[in-house]
Amino acid sequence: MQFIPVLVLMVLFFVMMFGIGFILNMLMKTTWFPSYLFVIVILPVVVYSLWDHSSTLMSHLASFQLVDYMTGVAGLAGAIISGWTIQKLRLGGYRMF
């Protein structure tokens, strides 16, 4: 596992989920919707769509590499930080957010 491509991938997923979460928060006026969406929809879809059902769920989850988990955590962190940012902007008096 090379370090530079993994770092770029993590930053890419973080920025992508932060941007999508920020836009969803502005449009829907919800603070934590992107975080819930990530956990409830995206993670099960990714896990279920890649599972061949001939093995157990735990062995399937163990088959993922560290890079897969690191990018997933970076995406979730981007979604959470977008909610935190919107919340701080609203508390600061910005009505647009």
N, C-alpha and C. Protein backbone atom coordinates (compact mmCIF):
# COMPACT_ATOMS: atom_id res chain seq x y z
N MET A 1 0.85 -1.17 0.00
CA MET A 1 0.00 0.00 0.00
C MET A 1 0.90 1.24 0.00
N GLN A 2 0.75 2.04 -1.04
CA GLN A 2 1.52 3.26 -1.12
C GLN A 2 0.80 4.37 -0.38
N PHE A 3 1.57 5.25 0.23
CA PHE A 3 0.99 6.25 1.11
C PHE A 3 0.36 7.42 0.36
N ILE A 4 1.00 7.91 -0.67
CA ILE A 4 0.52 9.11 -1.36
C ILE A 4 -0.83 8.89 -2.04
N PRO A 5 -1.04 7.81 -2.81
CA PRO A 5 -2.38 7.62 -3.41
C PRO A 5 -3.49 7.44 -2.38
N VAL A 6 -3.18 6.81 -1.27
CA VAL A 6 -4.18 6.63 -0.22
C VAL A 6 -4.53 7.97 0.40
N LEU A 7 -3.53 8.81 0.62
CA LEU A 7 -3.77 10.13 1.18
C LEU A 7 -4.61 10.98 0.23
N VAL A 8 -4.31 10.92 -1.06
CA VAL A 8 -5.09 11.66 -2.05
C VAL A 8 -6.53 11.15 -2.08
N LEU A 9 -6.70 9.84 -2.03
CA LEU A 9 -8.05 9.26 -2.04
C LEU A 9 -8.84 9.67 -0.81
N MET A 10 -8.20 9.69 0.35
CA MET A 10 -8.88 10.10 1.57
C MET A 10 -9.30 11.57 1.50
N VAL A 11 -8.40 12.43 1.02
CA VAL A 11 -8.74 13.85 0.89
C VAL A 11 -9.87 14.04 -0.11
N LEU A 12 -9.83 13.29 -1.20
CA LEU A 12 -10.87 13.38 -2.22
C LEU A 12 -12.24 12.99 -1.65
N PHE A 13 -12.31 11.90 -0.92
CA PHE A 13 -13.58 11.48 -0.33
C PHE A 13 -14.05 12.46 0.74
N PHE A 14 -13.12 12.99 1.52
CA PHE A 14 -13.49 13.97 2.54
C PHE A 14 -14.09 15.21 1.90
N VAL A 15 -13.41 15.76 0.89
CA VAL A 15 -13.87 16.98 0.24
C VAL A 15 -15.18 16.73 -0.50
N MET A 16 -15.31 15.57 -1.14
CA MET A 16 -16.53 15.25 -1.87
C MET A 16 -17.73 15.17 -0.92
N MET A 17 -17.59 14.46 0.18
CA MET A 17 -18.71 14.34 1.12
C MET A 17 -18.98 15.66 1.85
N PHE A 18 -17.92 16.44 2.11
CA PHE A 18 -18.12 17.74 2.73
C PHE A 18 -18.91 18.64 1.79
N GLY A 19 -18.55 18.67 0.51
CA GLY A 19 -19.24 19.51 -0.45
C GLY A 19 -20.68 19.10 -0.66
N ILE A 20 -20.91 17.80 -0.83
CA ILE A 20 -22.28 17.31 -1.02
C ILE A 20 -23.11 17.57 0.23
N GLY A 21 -22.53 17.32 1.40
CA GLY A 21 -23.24 17.57 2.65
C GLY A 21 -23.55 19.04 2.86
N PHE A 22 -22.61 19.90 2.50
CA PHE A 22 -22.83 21.34 2.66
C PHE A 22 -23.97 21.81 1.77
N ILE A 23 -23.97 21.35 0.52
CA ILE A 23 -25.03 21.75 -0.40
C ILE A 23 -26.39 21.19 0.05
N LEU A 24 -26.43 19.93 0.48
CA LEU A 24 -27.68 19.36 0.97
C LEU A 24 -28.18 20.11 2.20
N ASN A 25 -27.27 20.49 3.08
CA ASN A 25 -27.66 21.24 4.28
C ASN A 25 -28.23 22.60 3.91
N MET A 26 -27.66 23.26 2.93
CA MET A 26 -28.18 24.57 2.52
C MET A 26 -29.55 24.44 1.86
N LEU A 27 -29.73 23.42 1.04
CA LEU A 27 -30.99 23.27 0.31
C LEU A 27 -32.13 22.76 1.20
N MET A 28 -31.83 21.83 2.07
CA MET A 28 -32.88 21.17 2.85
C MET A 28 -33.04 21.74 4.25
N LYS A 29 -32.17 22.63 4.66
CA LYS A 29 -32.21 23.24 5.99
C LYS A 29 -32.16 22.18 7.11
N THR A 30 -31.44 21.11 6.86
CA THR A 30 -31.22 20.10 7.89
C THR A 30 -29.74 20.07 8.20
N THR A 31 -29.41 19.81 9.44
CA THR A 31 -28.01 19.87 9.83
C THR A 31 -27.31 18.53 9.66
N TRP A 32 -27.89 17.47 10.10
CA TRP A 32 -27.18 16.20 10.13
C TRP A 32 -27.68 15.20 9.10
N PHE A 33 -28.49 15.63 8.13
CA PHE A 33 -29.01 14.72 7.11
C PHE A 33 -27.91 14.00 6.32
N PRO A 34 -26.85 14.66 5.86
CA PRO A 34 -25.83 13.93 5.11
C PRO A 34 -25.13 12.84 5.92
N SER A 35 -24.96 13.06 7.21
CA SER A 35 -24.35 12.04 8.05
C SER A 35 -25.25 10.82 8.17
N TYR A 36 -26.53 11.06 8.38
CA TYR A 36 -27.48 9.95 8.44
C TYR A 36 -27.58 9.24 7.10
N LEU A 37 -27.58 10.01 6.03
CA LEU A 37 -27.65 9.43 4.69
C LEU A 37 -26.46 8.53 4.41
N PHE A 38 -25.29 8.97 4.83
CA PHE A 38 -24.08 8.18 4.63
C PHE A 38 -24.16 6.86 5.37
N VAL A 39 -24.56 6.90 6.62
CA VAL A 39 -24.59 5.69 7.44
C VAL A 39 -25.74 4.77 7.05
N ILE A 40 -26.93 5.33 6.80
CA ILE A 40 -28.11 4.51 6.55
C ILE A 40 -28.19 3.99 5.12
N VAL A 41 -27.73 4.77 4.15
CA VAL A 41 -27.89 4.39 2.76
C VAL A 41 -26.59 3.93 2.11
N ILE A 42 -25.58 4.74 2.16
CA ILE A 42 -24.38 4.48 1.38
C ILE A 42 -23.61 3.27 1.90
N LEU A 43 -23.38 3.18 3.18
CA LEU A 43 -22.62 2.04 3.70
C LEU A 43 -23.31 0.70 3.44
N PRO A 44 -24.61 0.54 3.74
CA PRO A 44 -25.23 -0.75 3.42
C PRO A 44 -25.27 -1.07 1.93
N VAL A 45 -25.44 -0.06 1.08
CA VAL A 45 -25.46 -0.31 -0.36
C VAL A 45 -24.11 -0.82 -0.83
N VAL A 46 -23.05 -0.21 -0.35
CA VAL A 46 -21.71 -0.64 -0.75
C VAL A 46 -21.42 -2.04 -0.21
N VAL A 47 -21.74 -2.29 1.03
CA VAL A 47 -21.46 -3.61 1.61
C VAL A 47 -22.33 -4.67 0.97
N TYR A 48 -23.61 -4.40 0.78
CA TYR A 48 -24.52 -5.41 0.25
C TYR A 48 -24.27 -5.69 -1.23
N SER A 49 -23.95 -4.65 -1.99
CA SER A 49 -23.76 -4.86 -3.43
C SER A 49 -22.49 -5.64 -3.74
N LEU A 50 -21.51 -5.58 -2.87
CA LEU A 50 -20.26 -6.30 -3.10
C LEU A 50 -20.23 -7.68 -2.46
N TRP A 51 -21.24 -8.02 -1.71
CA TRP A 51 -21.27 -9.28 -0.98
C TRP A 51 -21.81 -10.37 -1.89
N ASP A 52 -21.09 -11.49 -2.01
CA ASP A 52 -21.52 -12.56 -2.89
C ASP A 52 -22.41 -13.58 -2.18
N HIS A 53 -22.68 -13.43 -0.93
CA HIS A 53 -23.59 -14.24 -0.11
C HIS A 53 -23.14 -15.70 0.04
N SER A 54 -21.99 -16.05 -0.49
CA SER A 54 -21.49 -17.40 -0.25
C SER A 54 -20.65 -17.45 1.02
N SER A 55 -20.35 -16.31 1.58
CA SER A 55 -19.59 -16.25 2.83
C SER A 55 -20.41 -15.47 3.86
N THR A 56 -19.94 -15.50 5.08
CA THR A 56 -20.64 -14.78 6.14
C THR A 56 -20.36 -13.29 6.02
N LEU A 57 -21.17 -12.51 6.70
CA LEU A 57 -20.99 -11.06 6.66
C LEU A 57 -19.66 -10.65 7.28
N MET A 58 -19.27 -11.29 8.36
CA MET A 58 -18.01 -10.94 9.01
C MET A 58 -16.81 -11.26 8.13
N SER A 59 -16.85 -12.39 7.43
CA SER A 59 -15.73 -12.70 6.54
C SER A 59 -15.72 -11.76 5.34
N HIS A 60 -16.91 -11.31 4.92
CA HIS A 60 -16.98 -10.33 3.84
C HIS A 60 -16.38 -9.00 4.29
N LEU A 61 -16.73 -8.54 5.50
CA LEU A 61 -16.17 -7.29 6.01
C LEU A 61 -14.67 -7.40 6.25
N ALA A 62 -14.21 -8.58 6.61
CA ALA A 62 -12.77 -8.78 6.81
C ALA A 62 -12.01 -8.80 5.49
N SER A 63 -12.70 -9.02 4.39
CA SER A 63 -12.03 -9.07 3.09
C SER A 63 -11.67 -7.68 2.57
N PHE A 64 -12.29 -6.62 3.12
CA PHE A 64 -11.92 -5.27 2.72
C PHE A 64 -10.54 -4.94 3.24
N GLN A 65 -9.83 -4.12 2.50
CA GLN A 65 -8.49 -3.69 2.88
C GLN A 65 -8.58 -2.46 3.79
N LEU A 66 -7.46 -2.10 4.38
CA LEU A 66 -7.39 -0.93 5.25
C LEU A 66 -7.72 0.35 4.46
N VAL A 67 -7.34 0.39 3.20
CA VAL A 67 -7.61 1.55 2.35
C VAL A 67 -9.11 1.78 2.22
N ASP A 68 -9.89 0.72 2.09
CA ASP A 68 -11.33 0.85 1.97
C ASP A 68 -11.94 1.46 3.22
N TYR A 69 -11.49 1.01 4.36
CA TYR A 69 -12.01 1.56 5.61
C TYR A 69 -11.55 3.00 5.83
N MET A 70 -10.33 3.31 5.44
CA MET A 70 -9.82 4.67 5.61
C MET A 70 -10.58 5.67 4.74
N THR A 71 -10.90 5.28 3.50
CA THR A 71 -11.67 6.19 2.65
C THR A 71 -13.11 6.31 3.14
N GLY A 72 -13.68 5.25 3.67
CA GLY A 72 -15.03 5.33 4.23
C GLY A 72 -15.08 6.23 5.45
N VAL A 73 -14.09 6.14 6.30
CA VAL A 73 -14.03 7.00 7.48
C VAL A 73 -13.80 8.45 7.08
N ALA A 74 -12.98 8.68 6.05
CA ALA A 74 -12.75 10.05 5.58
C ALA A 74 -14.05 10.64 5.00
N GLY A 75 -14.83 9.84 4.28
CA GLY A 75 -16.10 10.32 3.75
C GLY A 75 -17.09 10.63 4.86
N LEU A 76 -17.15 9.76 5.86
CA LEU A 76 -18.04 10.00 6.99
C LEU A 76 -17.61 11.24 7.76
N ALA A 77 -16.31 11.44 7.90
CA ALA A 77 -15.81 12.64 8.59
C ALA A 77 -16.19 13.89 7.81
N GLY A 78 -16.12 13.84 6.49
CA GLY A 78 -16.54 14.99 5.68
C GLY A 78 -18.01 15.31 5.86
N ALA A 79 -18.84 14.27 5.92
CA ALA A 79 -20.28 14.48 6.13
C ALA A 79 -20.56 15.07 7.51
N ILE A 80 -19.87 14.58 8.52
CA ILE A 80 -20.07 15.09 9.88
C ILE A 80 -19.57 16.52 10.01
N ILE A 81 -18.42 16.82 9.44
CA ILE A 81 -17.87 18.17 9.54
C ILE A 81 -18.70 19.17 8.75
N SER A 82 -19.34 18.72 7.67
CA SER A 82 -20.23 19.65 6.95
C SER A 82 -21.43 20.03 7.81
N GLY A 83 -21.97 19.07 8.55
CA GLY A 83 -23.05 19.38 9.48
C GLY A 83 -22.61 20.29 10.60
N TRP A 84 -21.42 20.07 11.11
CA TRP A 84 -20.88 20.91 12.17
C TRP A 84 -20.66 22.33 11.67
N THR A 85 -20.15 22.45 10.44
CA THR A 85 -19.90 23.77 9.85
C THR A 85 -21.20 24.54 9.65
N ILE A 86 -22.20 23.88 9.11
CA ILE A 86 -23.51 24.53 8.92
C ILE A 86 -24.08 24.98 10.26
N GLN A 87 -23.96 24.12 11.26
CA GLN A 87 -24.48 24.47 12.59
C GLN A 87 -23.76 25.70 13.14
N LYS A 88 -22.46 25.77 13.00
CA LYS A 88 -21.71 26.94 13.49
C LYS A 88 -22.05 28.20 12.70
N LEU A 89 -22.26 28.06 11.40
CA LEU A 89 -22.65 29.23 10.60
C LEU A 89 -24.03 29.73 11.00
N ARG A 90 -24.96 28.83 11.28
CA ARG A 90 -26.30 29.25 11.70
C ARG A 90 -26.25 29.91 13.08
N LEU A 91 -25.43 29.37 13.98
CA LEU A 91 -25.30 30.00 15.29
C LEU A 91 -24.61 31.35 15.20
N GLY A 92 -23.79 31.53 14.16
CA GLY A 92 -23.13 32.81 13.95
C GLY A 92 -24.02 33.87 13.33
N GLY A 93 -25.24 33.52 12.99
CA GLY A 93 -26.18 34.48 12.48
C GLY A 93 -26.37 34.49 10.99
N TYR A 94 -25.75 33.57 10.30
CA TYR A 94 -25.92 33.51 8.84
C TYR A 94 -27.20 32.78 8.52
N ARG A 95 -28.19 33.50 8.01
CA ARG A 95 -29.50 32.91 7.73
C ARG A 95 -29.49 32.10 6.45
N MET A 96 -28.59 32.40 5.55
CA MET A 96 -28.55 31.67 4.29
C MET A 96 -28.28 30.19 4.51
N PHE A 97 -27.59 29.87 5.57
CA PHE A 97 -27.24 28.49 5.85
C PHE A 97 -28.19 27.90 6.85
